[in-house]
Each structure stands twice: as structure tokens, then as C-alpha cells.
Amino acid sequence: MNNPFSAVSVPADLTVTTTERRGVRVLTPVGDVDAATATGFTEALLEAAEAGAPLVADLSRVEFLSCAGIRALFAARERATSFTVVCDGVRSVRRCLEVTGADTLLTVHSTLSGALAAAAAS
């Protein structure tokens, strides 16, 4: 990986940051992931997934996650060698994962440290 840190701004004030920790790529969106920002979120996830390293999507700073955001998570899961999601209790995000059943189809951890340990072990 040439650049261990990058940030991308997408419409409607969603910022997506990608870092690498212990050989695991961590993508952290900040803001709302909805119809207006899902394309940029998806592109950032797929770019991070292409790197070949295990990928963690840390949703702990997301205030709202729409179905378009969940589709992006599934697209990343299909492309990444290993894919884990962090949802530390933001009620609206957790609820969206539960209502759609995505929490049963994705590997979801409540802490970044737990997700990193699981991703590194895979």
C-alpha cells in the first residue's frame, strides 16, 4: 500500500477515511450514508476492498445508514478477502442492520478492537 491514510469527501457532508492497522484496512465513514452519499461510500469501500488486505468498515461515526448503505456493505463483502463491520451501538444504524437482517449476513462487531482481531485472524 503506497498511502496508508486517505480521506475522500462525498456529497452531503459524508467523509470517508481509510487507514491501515496491523495489516487490516479500516474504512471509517463520518456522517450519513443515504441515497445522496451511497455512491461515494460504495466507491470508497470497493477501492479499499481491492487492496487485498482484510477490510473493516467502522460505522461507529455514522448517524444514519440507509438500505443503499447496506447494499454498499454487501458489495464490499463480495469483493474483499475478509470483511467485518463495526457497529458500536448508534441506535439508528444498529436498527437498520437488524431490520434488514444484514446483521445476520455480515460479520458485525461492537468494537473496533474486536473487529481488528477477527480480521487479522482470518
Protein backbone atom coordinates (compact mmCIF):
# COMPACT_ATOMS: atom_id res chain seq x y z
CA MET A 1 0.00 0.00 0.00
CA ASN A 2 1.53 3.30 -1.07
CA ASN A 3 -0.58 5.67 1.02
CA PRO A 4 -1.53 4.38 4.49
CA PHE A 5 -4.03 7.19 5.01
CA SER A 6 -6.54 8.77 2.68
CA ALA A 7 -9.73 10.76 3.03
CA VAL A 8 -12.47 11.31 0.49
CA SER A 9 -15.32 13.81 0.76
CA VAL A 10 -18.58 12.84 -0.89
CA PRO A 11 -21.82 14.83 -1.20
CA ALA A 12 -23.90 15.83 1.82
CA ASP A 13 -21.03 16.03 4.26
CA LEU A 14 -20.04 12.37 4.36
CA THR A 15 -16.31 11.92 4.82
CA VAL A 16 -14.70 8.53 4.36
CA THR A 17 -11.25 7.87 5.78
CA THR A 18 -9.17 4.77 5.08
CA THR A 19 -6.26 3.73 7.28
CA GLU A 20 -4.28 0.57 7.81
CA ARG A 21 -3.89 -1.04 11.23
CA ARG A 22 -2.00 -4.25 11.87
CA GLY A 23 -2.30 -5.27 8.21
CA VAL A 24 -6.06 -4.58 8.13
CA ARG A 25 -7.63 -1.76 6.12
CA VAL A 26 -10.11 0.27 8.18
CA LEU A 27 -12.65 2.40 6.36
CA THR A 28 -14.39 4.95 8.59
CA PRO A 29 -17.31 6.98 7.22
CA VAL A 30 -18.40 10.03 9.21
CA GLY A 31 -21.91 11.40 8.66
CA ASP A 32 -25.00 9.95 6.99
CA VAL A 33 -24.91 7.11 4.47
CA ASP A 34 -28.04 7.62 2.41
CA ALA A 35 -29.15 7.87 -1.22
CA ALA A 36 -27.16 11.09 -1.68
CA THR A 37 -23.88 9.65 -0.36
CA ALA A 38 -24.15 5.92 -1.11
CA THR A 39 -22.32 6.10 -4.44
CA GLY A 40 -19.25 7.70 -2.88
CA PHE A 41 -19.43 5.31 0.08
CA THR A 42 -19.65 2.32 -2.27
CA GLU A 43 -16.71 3.54 -4.35
CA ALA A 44 -14.58 4.02 -1.23
CA LEU A 45 -15.48 0.56 0.07
CA LEU A 46 -14.76 -1.15 -3.24
CA GLU A 47 -11.46 0.68 -3.64
CA ALA A 48 -10.44 -0.40 -0.14
CA ALA A 49 -11.55 -3.97 -0.85
CA GLU A 50 -9.37 -4.11 -3.97
CA ALA A 51 -6.22 -3.72 -1.88
CA GLY A 52 -6.32 -7.40 -0.96
CA ALA A 53 -5.96 -6.85 2.79
CA PRO A 54 -8.78 -7.72 5.20
CA LEU A 55 -11.27 -4.84 5.38
CA VAL A 56 -13.16 -3.40 8.35
CA ALA A 57 -15.97 -0.88 7.85
CA ASP A 58 -16.14 1.10 11.10
CA LEU A 59 -19.66 2.55 11.26
CA SER A 60 -19.24 3.95 14.78
CA ARG A 61 -19.35 7.54 13.47
CA VAL A 62 -22.31 7.04 11.10
CA GLU A 63 -25.52 8.67 12.31
CA PHE A 64 -27.84 7.20 9.66
CA LEU A 65 -27.49 4.15 7.40
CA SER A 66 -29.97 3.60 4.58
CA CYS A 67 -30.62 0.49 2.52
CA ALA A 68 -28.29 1.96 -0.11
CA GLY A 69 -25.54 1.89 2.50
CA ILE A 70 -26.31 -1.73 3.31
CA ARG A 71 -26.07 -2.61 -0.39
CA ALA A 72 -22.62 -1.00 -0.37
CA LEU A 73 -21.60 -3.17 2.59
CA PHE A 74 -22.68 -6.32 0.73
CA ALA A 75 -20.80 -5.23 -2.39
CA ALA A 76 -17.64 -4.82 -0.30
CA ARG A 77 -18.18 -8.20 1.33
CA GLU A 78 -18.29 -9.81 -2.11
CA ARG A 79 -15.05 -8.13 -3.23
CA ALA A 80 -12.91 -8.17 -0.06
CA THR A 81 -10.83 -11.15 1.01
CA SER A 82 -12.24 -10.69 4.53
CA PHE A 83 -14.89 -8.14 5.56
CA THR A 84 -16.06 -7.08 9.01
CA VAL A 85 -18.38 -4.29 10.17
CA VAL A 86 -18.14 -2.32 13.42
CA CYS A 87 -21.42 -1.06 14.85
CA ASP A 88 -20.88 0.19 18.37
CA GLY A 89 -24.45 0.99 19.24
CA VAL A 90 -25.60 4.00 17.21
CA ARG A 91 -29.23 3.07 17.57
CA SER A 92 -30.40 4.03 14.07
CA VAL A 93 -27.50 2.19 12.41
CA ARG A 94 -27.90 -0.92 14.57
CA ARG A 95 -31.65 -0.88 13.92
CA CYS A 96 -31.17 -0.69 10.15
CA LEU A 97 -28.81 -3.68 10.24
CA GLU A 98 -31.28 -5.65 12.38
CA VAL A 99 -34.46 -4.79 10.46
CA THR A 100 -32.94 -5.74 7.13
CA GLY A 101 -31.32 -8.90 8.52
CA ALA A 102 -27.90 -7.63 7.44
CA ASP A 103 -26.58 -8.23 10.96
CA THR A 104 -27.08 -11.97 10.42
CA LEU A 105 -25.38 -11.99 7.00
CA LEU A 106 -22.44 -9.71 7.77
CA THR A 107 -19.79 -10.22 10.44
CA VAL A 108 -20.60 -7.42 12.92
CA HIS A 109 -18.54 -6.48 15.98
CA SER A 110 -19.39 -3.90 18.62
CA THR A 111 -15.78 -2.68 18.94
CA LEU A 112 -13.02 -1.83 16.50
CA SER A 113 -10.52 -3.83 18.53
CA GLY A 114 -12.72 -6.93 18.25
CA ALA A 115 -13.14 -6.43 14.51
CA LEU A 116 -9.40 -5.95 14.02
CA ALA A 117 -8.62 -9.13 15.96
CA ALA A 118 -11.16 -11.12 13.93
CA ALA A 119 -9.96 -9.68 10.61
CA ALA A 120 -6.30 -10.34 11.41
CA ALA A 121 -7.12 -13.93 12.36
CA SER A 122 -8.92 -14.65 9.08
